[in-house]
Amino acid sequence: MIRFDFQTIAVMVMATASSLSVAFWLNHADARGQAHAETVAVIPAVAAPAHPHSGASAAQVLKAADGHYWAEAEIDGRAVRVLVDTGASVVALTREDALRLGLHLTSDDFTRTVQTASGPARAAAVELKSVAIAGAEVRQVQALVVENGLSQSLLGMSYLGRLSGFEATPAGLTLRP
């Protein structure tokens, strides 16, 4: 049984509005050749239903001492430490993590502009073959590689939004494939 209280609904509305706002600006900025993505602090939210992967159990990500949800993701078969960020519209990779994944990008690939905590940065759009957290796998995930200014890779809504659901609690995060 799923229960929703007023606070959960309010958080869901705020997360959805934030994601839609970012998507709107990404679509309109793409028409001018620039994309702007916002990242905000992790907030509890529940994703809209997607296509669940049959037979897979829910994955758990514990809240770290710093208050964030850190996960060991398997991206294209390699381990990458990511910060779960429901305010990021896409998975965002540092240049270093992208190189470790075998994504060799040239300066010409960085055609977008994103807003990071360090200010504006150039980014390159890529598609990841698969992203998995403790078995909660999603295939063909849209992502951005940020050239400079991103201190850690982010697990954004291009992964989270394709799960059948996810839920944040004071102790951790549950990801439902």
N, C-alpha and C. Protein backbone atom coordinates (compact mmCIF):
# COMPACT_ATOMS: atom_id res chain seq x y z
N MET A 1 0.85 -1.18 0.00
CA MET A 1 0.00 0.00 0.00
C MET A 1 0.89 1.23 0.00
N ILE A 2 0.57 2.16 -0.83
CA ILE A 2 1.34 3.40 -0.91
C ILE A 2 0.57 4.49 -0.18
N ARG A 3 1.26 5.21 0.74
CA ARG A 3 0.63 6.30 1.47
C ARG A 3 1.28 7.60 1.04
N PHE A 4 0.48 8.61 0.92
CA PHE A 4 0.98 9.94 0.60
C PHE A 4 0.45 10.92 1.63
N ASP A 5 1.32 11.66 2.25
CA ASP A 5 0.88 12.73 3.13
C ASP A 5 1.10 14.06 2.40
N PHE A 6 0.64 15.14 2.98
CA PHE A 6 0.73 16.45 2.33
C PHE A 6 2.18 16.82 2.02
N GLN A 7 3.10 16.53 2.92
CA GLN A 7 4.51 16.88 2.70
C GLN A 7 5.07 16.11 1.50
N THR A 8 4.75 14.84 1.38
CA THR A 8 5.22 14.04 0.24
C THR A 8 4.67 14.59 -1.06
N ILE A 9 3.40 14.93 -1.08
CA ILE A 9 2.80 15.49 -2.29
C ILE A 9 3.44 16.82 -2.64
N ALA A 10 3.68 17.67 -1.64
CA ALA A 10 4.32 18.97 -1.89
C ALA A 10 5.72 18.78 -2.47
N VAL A 11 6.47 17.83 -1.95
CA VAL A 11 7.81 17.57 -2.45
C VAL A 11 7.74 17.05 -3.89
N MET A 12 6.79 16.17 -4.16
CA MET A 12 6.64 15.65 -5.52
C MET A 12 6.31 16.77 -6.49
N VAL A 13 5.42 17.67 -6.10
CA VAL A 13 5.05 18.80 -6.96
C VAL A 13 6.26 19.69 -7.21
N MET A 14 7.03 19.98 -6.16
CA MET A 14 8.22 20.84 -6.32
C MET A 14 9.25 20.16 -7.22
N ALA A 15 9.49 18.87 -7.04
CA ALA A 15 10.47 18.15 -7.86
C ALA A 15 10.01 18.11 -9.32
N THR A 16 8.73 17.86 -9.54
CA THR A 16 8.20 17.82 -10.90
C THR A 16 8.30 19.19 -11.56
N ALA A 17 7.92 20.24 -10.82
CA ALA A 17 7.99 21.59 -11.37
C ALA A 17 9.43 21.97 -11.71
N SER A 18 10.35 21.60 -10.84
CA SER A 18 11.76 21.89 -11.09
C SER A 18 12.25 21.17 -12.34
N SER A 19 11.91 19.89 -12.48
CA SER A 19 12.34 19.12 -13.65
C SER A 19 11.71 19.66 -14.93
N LEU A 20 10.43 20.02 -14.87
CA LEU A 20 9.77 20.56 -16.06
C LEU A 20 10.36 21.91 -16.45
N SER A 21 10.69 22.72 -15.45
CA SER A 21 11.31 24.01 -15.73
C SER A 21 12.65 23.83 -16.42
N VAL A 22 13.46 22.92 -15.92
CA VAL A 22 14.76 22.66 -16.54
C VAL A 22 14.57 22.11 -17.95
N ALA A 23 13.63 21.18 -18.12
CA ALA A 23 13.38 20.62 -19.45
C ALA A 23 12.94 21.71 -20.42
N PHE A 24 12.08 22.62 -19.96
CA PHE A 24 11.63 23.73 -20.82
C PHE A 24 12.81 24.56 -21.27
N TRP A 25 13.69 24.95 -20.34
CA TRP A 25 14.82 25.78 -20.70
C TRP A 25 15.83 25.03 -21.55
N LEU A 26 15.99 23.73 -21.31
CA LEU A 26 16.89 22.93 -22.16
C LEU A 26 16.36 22.89 -23.59
N ASN A 27 15.05 22.67 -23.75
CA ASN A 27 14.48 22.63 -25.10
C ASN A 27 14.62 23.96 -25.81
N HIS A 28 14.33 25.06 -25.11
CA HIS A 28 14.40 26.37 -25.75
C HIS A 28 15.83 26.82 -25.97
N ALA A 29 16.73 26.45 -25.07
CA ALA A 29 18.13 26.83 -25.24
C ALA A 29 18.77 26.03 -26.36
N ASP A 30 18.34 24.76 -26.54
CA ASP A 30 18.89 23.94 -27.63
C ASP A 30 18.62 24.59 -28.99
N ALA A 31 17.48 25.23 -29.11
CA ALA A 31 17.15 25.88 -30.37
C ALA A 31 18.14 27.01 -30.68
N ARG A 32 18.74 27.59 -29.66
CA ARG A 32 19.73 28.65 -29.85
C ARG A 32 21.15 28.11 -29.76
N GLY A 33 21.30 26.76 -29.56
CA GLY A 33 22.63 26.16 -29.53
C GLY A 33 23.24 26.07 -28.14
N GLN A 34 22.47 26.42 -27.09
CA GLN A 34 22.98 26.32 -25.74
C GLN A 34 21.94 25.65 -24.86
N ALA A 35 22.41 24.85 -23.89
CA ALA A 35 21.52 24.21 -22.94
C ALA A 35 21.93 24.64 -21.54
N HIS A 36 20.96 24.89 -20.71
CA HIS A 36 21.24 25.28 -19.33
C HIS A 36 20.59 24.27 -18.42
N ALA A 37 21.37 23.60 -17.58
CA ALA A 37 20.84 22.63 -16.63
C ALA A 37 21.12 23.14 -15.23
N GLU A 38 20.16 22.99 -14.37
CA GLU A 38 20.31 23.41 -12.99
C GLU A 38 20.54 22.17 -12.13
N THR A 39 21.32 22.30 -11.09
CA THR A 39 21.42 21.25 -10.10
C THR A 39 21.10 21.87 -8.76
N VAL A 40 20.31 21.15 -7.98
CA VAL A 40 19.91 21.64 -6.67
C VAL A 40 20.15 20.54 -5.66
N ALA A 41 19.98 20.86 -4.40
CA ALA A 41 20.19 19.89 -3.34
C ALA A 41 19.22 18.73 -3.51
N VAL A 42 19.60 17.56 -3.04
CA VAL A 42 18.76 16.38 -3.12
C VAL A 42 17.54 16.59 -2.25
N ILE A 43 16.36 16.36 -2.82
CA ILE A 43 15.13 16.45 -2.05
C ILE A 43 14.38 15.15 -2.22
N PRO A 44 13.62 14.72 -1.22
CA PRO A 44 12.86 13.49 -1.37
C PRO A 44 11.83 13.63 -2.47
N ALA A 45 11.66 12.60 -3.26
CA ALA A 45 10.66 12.64 -4.33
C ALA A 45 10.29 11.22 -4.72
N VAL A 46 9.22 11.09 -5.46
CA VAL A 46 8.79 9.81 -5.99
C VAL A 46 8.66 9.97 -7.49
N ALA A 47 9.27 9.10 -8.24
CA ALA A 47 9.23 9.21 -9.70
C ALA A 47 7.90 8.69 -10.23
N ALA A 48 7.51 9.20 -11.37
CA ALA A 48 6.32 8.70 -12.04
C ALA A 48 6.60 7.29 -12.55
N PRO A 49 5.59 6.43 -12.64
CA PRO A 49 5.82 5.07 -13.10
C PRO A 49 6.42 5.04 -14.50
N ALA A 50 7.34 4.12 -14.70
CA ALA A 50 7.96 3.91 -16.02
C ALA A 50 7.82 2.44 -16.35
N HIS A 51 8.72 1.93 -17.17
CA HIS A 51 8.68 0.51 -17.53
C HIS A 51 9.60 -0.25 -16.59
N PRO A 52 9.04 -0.98 -15.61
CA PRO A 52 9.88 -1.70 -14.66
C PRO A 52 10.57 -2.88 -15.33
N HIS A 53 11.74 -3.22 -14.82
CA HIS A 53 12.48 -4.40 -15.29
C HIS A 53 11.99 -5.58 -14.47
N SER A 54 11.49 -6.60 -15.11
CA SER A 54 10.90 -7.72 -14.41
C SER A 54 11.93 -8.49 -13.60
N GLY A 55 11.50 -8.94 -12.43
CA GLY A 55 12.33 -9.80 -11.60
C GLY A 55 13.40 -9.09 -10.79
N ALA A 56 13.59 -7.81 -10.95
CA ALA A 56 14.63 -7.11 -10.21
C ALA A 56 14.06 -6.58 -8.91
N SER A 57 14.86 -6.65 -7.84
CA SER A 57 14.40 -6.14 -6.56
C SER A 57 14.86 -4.70 -6.38
N ALA A 58 14.27 -4.04 -5.40
CA ALA A 58 14.59 -2.65 -5.13
C ALA A 58 16.03 -2.53 -4.62
N ALA A 59 16.69 -1.44 -5.03
CA ALA A 59 18.06 -1.17 -4.59
C ALA A 59 18.02 -0.13 -3.48
N GLN A 60 18.92 -0.24 -2.54
CA GLN A 60 18.99 0.69 -1.42
C GLN A 60 20.28 1.50 -1.48
N VAL A 61 20.15 2.81 -1.29
CA VAL A 61 21.30 3.70 -1.19
C VAL A 61 21.17 4.41 0.16
N LEU A 62 22.14 4.19 1.04
CA LEU A 62 22.08 4.80 2.37
C LEU A 62 22.53 6.25 2.32
N LYS A 63 21.93 7.07 3.20
CA LYS A 63 22.34 8.47 3.30
C LYS A 63 23.70 8.52 3.99
N ALA A 64 24.63 9.28 3.41
CA ALA A 64 25.98 9.40 3.97
C ALA A 64 25.99 10.40 5.13
N ALA A 65 27.08 10.42 5.84
CA ALA A 65 27.23 11.33 6.98
C ALA A 65 27.11 12.79 6.57
N ASP A 66 27.43 13.10 5.31
CA ASP A 66 27.32 14.49 4.84
C ASP A 66 25.89 14.87 4.46
N GLY A 67 24.93 13.93 4.61
CA GLY A 67 23.54 14.20 4.31
C GLY A 67 23.14 13.94 2.88
N HIS A 68 24.07 13.53 2.04
CA HIS A 68 23.78 13.26 0.63
C HIS A 68 23.66 11.76 0.39
N TYR A 69 23.06 11.43 -0.74
CA TYR A 69 22.94 10.04 -1.17
C TYR A 69 24.04 9.78 -2.20
N TRP A 70 25.06 9.02 -1.80
CA TRP A 70 26.15 8.65 -2.70
C TRP A 70 25.95 7.20 -3.09
N ALA A 71 26.21 6.90 -4.36
CA ALA A 71 26.04 5.52 -4.83
C ALA A 71 27.22 5.12 -5.70
N GLU A 72 27.48 3.84 -5.69
CA GLU A 72 28.47 3.25 -6.60
C GLU A 72 27.69 2.76 -7.81
N ALA A 73 27.74 3.52 -8.89
CA ALA A 73 27.01 3.16 -10.10
C ALA A 73 27.89 2.30 -10.99
N GLU A 74 27.25 1.43 -11.73
CA GLU A 74 27.95 0.71 -12.79
C GLU A 74 27.47 1.33 -14.10
N ILE A 75 28.37 2.09 -14.73
CA ILE A 75 28.05 2.78 -15.98
C ILE A 75 28.86 2.14 -17.10
N ASP A 76 28.16 1.63 -18.08
CA ASP A 76 28.80 0.94 -19.20
C ASP A 76 29.83 -0.07 -18.71
N GLY A 77 29.47 -0.79 -17.63
CA GLY A 77 30.31 -1.86 -17.11
C GLY A 77 31.43 -1.44 -16.18
N ARG A 78 31.53 -0.14 -15.83
CA ARG A 78 32.60 0.33 -14.95
C ARG A 78 32.02 1.05 -13.74
N ALA A 79 32.72 0.95 -12.62
CA ALA A 79 32.26 1.58 -11.39
C ALA A 79 32.55 3.08 -11.40
N VAL A 80 31.51 3.87 -11.04
CA VAL A 80 31.64 5.32 -10.94
C VAL A 80 30.88 5.76 -9.69
N ARG A 81 31.55 6.50 -8.83
CA ARG A 81 30.88 7.05 -7.64
C ARG A 81 30.08 8.27 -8.07
N VAL A 82 28.77 8.28 -7.73
CA VAL A 82 27.89 9.36 -8.15
C VAL A 82 27.12 9.91 -6.96
N LEU A 83 26.76 11.18 -7.06
CA LEU A 83 25.89 11.84 -6.11
C LEU A 83 24.48 11.80 -6.71
N VAL A 84 23.52 11.24 -5.99
CA VAL A 84 22.15 11.19 -6.48
C VAL A 84 21.58 12.60 -6.36
N ASP A 85 21.08 13.14 -7.49
CA ASP A 85 20.61 14.52 -7.54
C ASP A 85 19.31 14.60 -8.32
N THR A 86 18.17 14.63 -7.60
CA THR A 86 16.87 14.69 -8.26
C THR A 86 16.64 16.02 -8.96
N GLY A 87 17.45 17.02 -8.67
CA GLY A 87 17.32 18.32 -9.33
C GLY A 87 18.10 18.40 -10.62
N ALA A 88 18.93 17.40 -10.92
CA ALA A 88 19.67 17.37 -12.18
C ALA A 88 18.81 16.68 -13.22
N SER A 89 18.58 17.33 -14.35
CA SER A 89 17.69 16.74 -15.35
C SER A 89 18.31 15.53 -16.05
N VAL A 90 19.61 15.45 -16.09
CA VAL A 90 20.29 14.32 -16.73
C VAL A 90 21.43 13.83 -15.85
N VAL A 91 21.93 12.64 -16.18
CA VAL A 91 23.16 12.16 -15.58
C VAL A 91 24.27 13.09 -16.08
N ALA A 92 25.09 13.59 -15.18
CA ALA A 92 26.18 14.49 -15.54
C ALA A 92 27.49 13.87 -15.08
N LEU A 93 28.42 13.70 -16.01
CA LEU A 93 29.70 13.07 -15.70
C LEU A 93 30.82 14.10 -15.71
N THR A 94 31.77 13.91 -14.79
CA THR A 94 32.98 14.72 -14.84
C THR A 94 33.79 14.26 -16.05
N ARG A 95 34.67 15.12 -16.50
CA ARG A 95 35.53 14.76 -17.64
C ARG A 95 36.38 13.54 -17.28
N GLU A 96 36.85 13.48 -16.03
CA GLU A 96 37.69 12.36 -15.58
C GLU A 96 36.92 11.04 -15.62
N ASP A 97 35.68 11.05 -15.11
CA ASP A 97 34.88 9.82 -15.13
C ASP A 97 34.57 9.41 -16.57
N ALA A 98 34.30 10.37 -17.44
CA ALA A 98 34.03 10.06 -18.84
C ALA A 98 35.24 9.39 -19.49
N LEU A 99 36.44 9.89 -19.20
CA LEU A 99 37.65 9.27 -19.76
C LEU A 99 37.81 7.84 -19.26
N ARG A 100 37.54 7.61 -17.96
CA ARG A 100 37.63 6.26 -17.41
C ARG A 100 36.62 5.32 -18.06
N LEU A 101 35.49 5.88 -18.53
CA LEU A 101 34.47 5.07 -19.20
C LEU A 101 34.78 4.86 -20.69
N GLY A 102 35.88 5.46 -21.16
CA GLY A 102 36.26 5.30 -22.55
C GLY A 102 35.64 6.32 -23.48
N LEU A 103 35.08 7.39 -22.93
CA LEU A 103 34.49 8.44 -23.76
C LEU A 103 35.57 9.48 -24.04
N HIS A 104 36.14 9.41 -25.21
CA HIS A 104 37.22 10.32 -25.60
C HIS A 104 36.61 11.45 -26.43
N LEU A 105 36.40 12.58 -25.78
CA LEU A 105 35.74 13.71 -26.42
C LEU A 105 36.77 14.77 -26.80
N THR A 106 36.51 15.42 -27.91
CA THR A 106 37.38 16.52 -28.33
C THR A 106 36.73 17.84 -27.91
N SER A 107 37.48 18.91 -28.02
CA SER A 107 36.97 20.23 -27.66
C SER A 107 35.72 20.57 -28.47
N ASP A 108 35.65 20.10 -29.71
CA ASP A 108 34.50 20.38 -30.58
C ASP A 108 33.22 19.68 -30.11
N ASP A 109 33.34 18.64 -29.27
CA ASP A 109 32.17 17.92 -28.77
C ASP A 109 31.41 18.72 -27.71
N PHE A 110 32.05 19.67 -27.08
CA PHE A 110 31.45 20.43 -25.99
C PHE A 110 30.69 21.63 -26.55
N THR A 111 29.47 21.35 -27.02
CA THR A 111 28.67 22.36 -27.73
C THR A 111 27.57 22.98 -26.88
N ARG A 112 27.39 22.49 -25.67
CA ARG A 112 26.33 23.00 -24.78
C ARG A 112 26.95 23.77 -23.63
N THR A 113 26.14 24.60 -23.00
CA THR A 113 26.57 25.30 -21.80
C THR A 113 25.62 24.92 -20.68
N VAL A 114 26.18 24.53 -19.53
CA VAL A 114 25.38 24.17 -18.36
C VAL A 114 25.81 25.03 -17.19
N GLN A 115 24.94 25.15 -16.22
CA GLN A 115 25.24 25.91 -15.01
C GLN A 115 25.64 24.93 -13.92
N THR A 116 26.85 25.02 -13.43
CA THR A 116 27.32 24.17 -12.32
C THR A 116 27.43 25.03 -11.06
N ALA A 117 27.75 24.40 -9.95
CA ALA A 117 27.97 25.14 -8.71
C ALA A 117 29.13 26.10 -8.85
N SER A 118 30.06 25.82 -9.76
CA SER A 118 31.22 26.67 -10.00
C SER A 118 30.96 27.73 -11.08
N GLY A 119 29.75 27.74 -11.64
CA GLY A 119 29.42 28.69 -12.70
C GLY A 119 29.20 27.97 -14.02
N PRO A 120 29.08 28.74 -15.12
CA PRO A 120 28.82 28.12 -16.42
C PRO A 120 29.98 27.22 -16.86
N ALA A 121 29.62 26.14 -17.55
CA ALA A 121 30.64 25.21 -18.06
C ALA A 121 30.15 24.63 -19.38
N ARG A 122 31.10 24.24 -20.20
CA ARG A 122 30.76 23.59 -21.47
C ARG A 122 30.50 22.11 -21.22
N ALA A 123 29.58 21.53 -22.01
CA ALA A 123 29.22 20.13 -21.84
C ALA A 123 29.01 19.47 -23.20
N ALA A 124 29.19 18.15 -23.21
CA ALA A 124 28.97 17.35 -24.42
C ALA A 124 27.87 16.33 -24.12
N ALA A 125 26.91 16.22 -25.02
CA ALA A 125 25.83 15.24 -24.88
C ALA A 125 26.34 13.87 -25.31
N VAL A 126 26.03 12.84 -24.50
CA VAL A 126 26.39 11.46 -24.81
C VAL A 126 25.22 10.56 -24.44
N GLU A 127 25.25 9.34 -24.95
CA GLU A 127 24.28 8.33 -24.54
C GLU A 127 25.06 7.18 -23.92
N LEU A 128 24.71 6.83 -22.70
CA LEU A 128 25.36 5.73 -21.99
C LEU A 128 24.59 4.44 -22.30
N LYS A 129 25.32 3.36 -22.51
CA LYS A 129 24.67 2.08 -22.83
C LYS A 129 23.83 1.59 -21.66
N SER A 130 24.37 1.72 -20.44
CA SER A 130 23.61 1.28 -19.27
C SER A 130 24.12 1.97 -18.02
N VAL A 131 23.21 2.18 -17.10
CA VAL A 131 23.52 2.71 -15.77
C VAL A 131 22.78 1.84 -14.77
N ALA A 132 23.50 1.33 -13.77
CA ALA A 132 22.88 0.46 -12.77
C ALA A 132 23.37 0.83 -11.39
N ILE A 133 22.46 0.82 -10.45
CA ILE A 133 22.76 0.99 -9.03
C ILE A 133 22.24 -0.27 -8.34
N ALA A 134 23.13 -1.07 -7.78
CA ALA A 134 22.76 -2.30 -7.06
C ALA A 134 21.73 -3.12 -7.83
N GLY A 135 21.91 -3.24 -9.14
CA GLY A 135 21.02 -4.06 -9.96
C GLY A 135 19.86 -3.32 -10.59
N ALA A 136 19.58 -2.09 -10.16
CA ALA A 136 18.50 -1.30 -10.77
C ALA A 136 19.07 -0.67 -12.03
N GLU A 137 18.93 -1.39 -13.15
CA GLU A 137 19.58 -0.99 -14.40
C GLU A 137 18.62 -0.30 -15.36
N VAL A 138 19.13 0.73 -16.02
CA VAL A 138 18.42 1.42 -17.10
C VAL A 138 19.37 1.47 -18.28
N ARG A 139 18.86 1.16 -19.45
CA ARG A 139 19.68 1.15 -20.67
C ARG A 139 19.45 2.42 -21.49
N GLN A 140 20.47 2.77 -22.28
CA GLN A 140 20.43 3.92 -23.18
C GLN A 140 19.99 5.19 -22.43
N VAL A 141 20.88 5.66 -21.57
CA VAL A 141 20.61 6.80 -20.71
C VAL A 141 21.28 8.05 -21.28
N GLN A 142 20.52 9.11 -21.45
CA GLN A 142 21.06 10.39 -21.91
C GLN A 142 21.91 10.99 -20.79
N ALA A 143 23.05 11.58 -21.15
CA ALA A 143 23.94 12.16 -20.16
C ALA A 143 24.69 13.34 -20.77
N LEU A 144 25.31 14.11 -19.90
CA LEU A 144 26.20 15.19 -20.32
C LEU A 144 27.55 14.97 -19.67
N VAL A 145 28.61 15.22 -20.42
CA VAL A 145 29.95 15.24 -19.85
C VAL A 145 30.31 16.71 -19.70
N VAL A 146 30.61 17.12 -18.47
CA VAL A 146 30.93 18.52 -18.20
C VAL A 146 32.44 18.68 -18.29
N GLU A 147 32.86 19.61 -19.13
CA GLU A 147 34.28 19.78 -19.42
C GLU A 147 35.08 20.17 -18.17
N ASN A 148 34.63 21.17 -17.43
CA ASN A 148 35.29 21.64 -16.21
C ASN A 148 34.24 22.18 -15.25
N GLY A 149 34.53 22.14 -13.95
CA GLY A 149 33.65 22.77 -12.98
C GLY A 149 32.70 21.85 -12.25
N LEU A 150 32.71 20.57 -12.58
CA LEU A 150 31.86 19.62 -11.87
C LEU A 150 32.76 18.77 -10.99
N SER A 151 32.56 18.84 -9.67
CA SER A 151 33.47 18.15 -8.75
C SER A 151 33.19 16.66 -8.64
N GLN A 152 31.94 16.23 -8.91
CA GLN A 152 31.61 14.80 -8.88
C GLN A 152 30.52 14.54 -9.90
N SER A 153 30.45 13.32 -10.36
CA SER A 153 29.40 12.94 -11.30
C SER A 153 28.07 12.88 -10.58
N LEU A 154 26.99 13.23 -11.30
CA LEU A 154 25.66 13.30 -10.73
C LEU A 154 24.74 12.27 -11.39
N LEU A 155 23.94 11.62 -10.57
CA LEU A 155 22.93 10.69 -11.06
C LEU A 155 21.61 11.45 -11.12
N GLY A 156 21.25 11.92 -12.31
CA GLY A 156 20.08 12.76 -12.48
C GLY A 156 18.85 12.04 -12.99
N MET A 157 17.87 12.83 -13.40
CA MET A 157 16.56 12.31 -13.76
C MET A 157 16.53 11.50 -15.05
N SER A 158 17.54 11.62 -15.92
CA SER A 158 17.54 10.77 -17.12
C SER A 158 17.69 9.29 -16.73
N TYR A 159 18.21 9.02 -15.52
CA TYR A 159 18.22 7.66 -14.97
C TYR A 159 17.04 7.48 -14.01
N LEU A 160 16.94 8.34 -13.01
CA LEU A 160 15.94 8.18 -11.96
C LEU A 160 14.51 8.18 -12.51
N GLY A 161 14.24 9.02 -13.49
CA GLY A 161 12.91 9.13 -14.04
C GLY A 161 12.48 7.92 -14.85
N ARG A 162 13.40 7.04 -15.17
CA ARG A 162 13.07 5.83 -15.93
C ARG A 162 12.92 4.61 -15.05
N LEU A 163 13.08 4.79 -13.75
CA LEU A 163 12.79 3.71 -12.81
C LEU A 163 11.28 3.64 -12.61
N SER A 164 10.78 2.52 -12.09
CA SER A 164 9.34 2.46 -11.80
C SER A 164 9.01 3.33 -10.61
N GLY A 165 10.03 3.64 -9.78
CA GLY A 165 9.82 4.54 -8.66
C GLY A 165 11.09 4.69 -7.84
N PHE A 166 11.15 5.76 -7.08
CA PHE A 166 12.22 5.94 -6.10
C PHE A 166 11.67 6.77 -4.96
N GLU A 167 12.22 6.52 -3.76
CA GLU A 167 11.72 7.19 -2.58
C GLU A 167 12.85 7.50 -1.63
N ALA A 168 12.89 8.73 -1.15
CA ALA A 168 13.91 9.13 -0.18
C ALA A 168 13.29 9.13 1.21
N THR A 169 14.04 8.61 2.16
CA THR A 169 13.64 8.63 3.57
C THR A 169 14.81 9.24 4.34
N PRO A 170 14.61 9.52 5.62
CA PRO A 170 15.74 10.06 6.39
C PRO A 170 16.95 9.13 6.42
N ALA A 171 16.75 7.84 6.25
CA ALA A 171 17.86 6.89 6.33
C ALA A 171 18.48 6.56 4.98
N GLY A 172 17.70 6.63 3.92
CA GLY A 172 18.25 6.22 2.63
C GLY A 172 17.30 6.44 1.48
N LEU A 173 17.70 5.89 0.35
CA LEU A 173 16.96 6.04 -0.90
C LEU A 173 16.66 4.65 -1.43
N THR A 174 15.42 4.42 -1.84
CA THR A 174 15.03 3.16 -2.43
C THR A 174 14.79 3.39 -3.92
N LEU A 175 15.44 2.60 -4.74
CA LEU A 175 15.29 2.67 -6.20
C LEU A 175 14.56 1.42 -6.65
N ARG A 176 13.43 1.60 -7.35
CA ARG A 176 12.65 0.45 -7.83
C ARG A 176 12.78 0.35 -9.35
N PRO A 177 13.42 -0.73 -9.83
CA PRO A 177 13.60 -0.89 -11.28
C PRO A 177 12.27 -1.08 -12.00
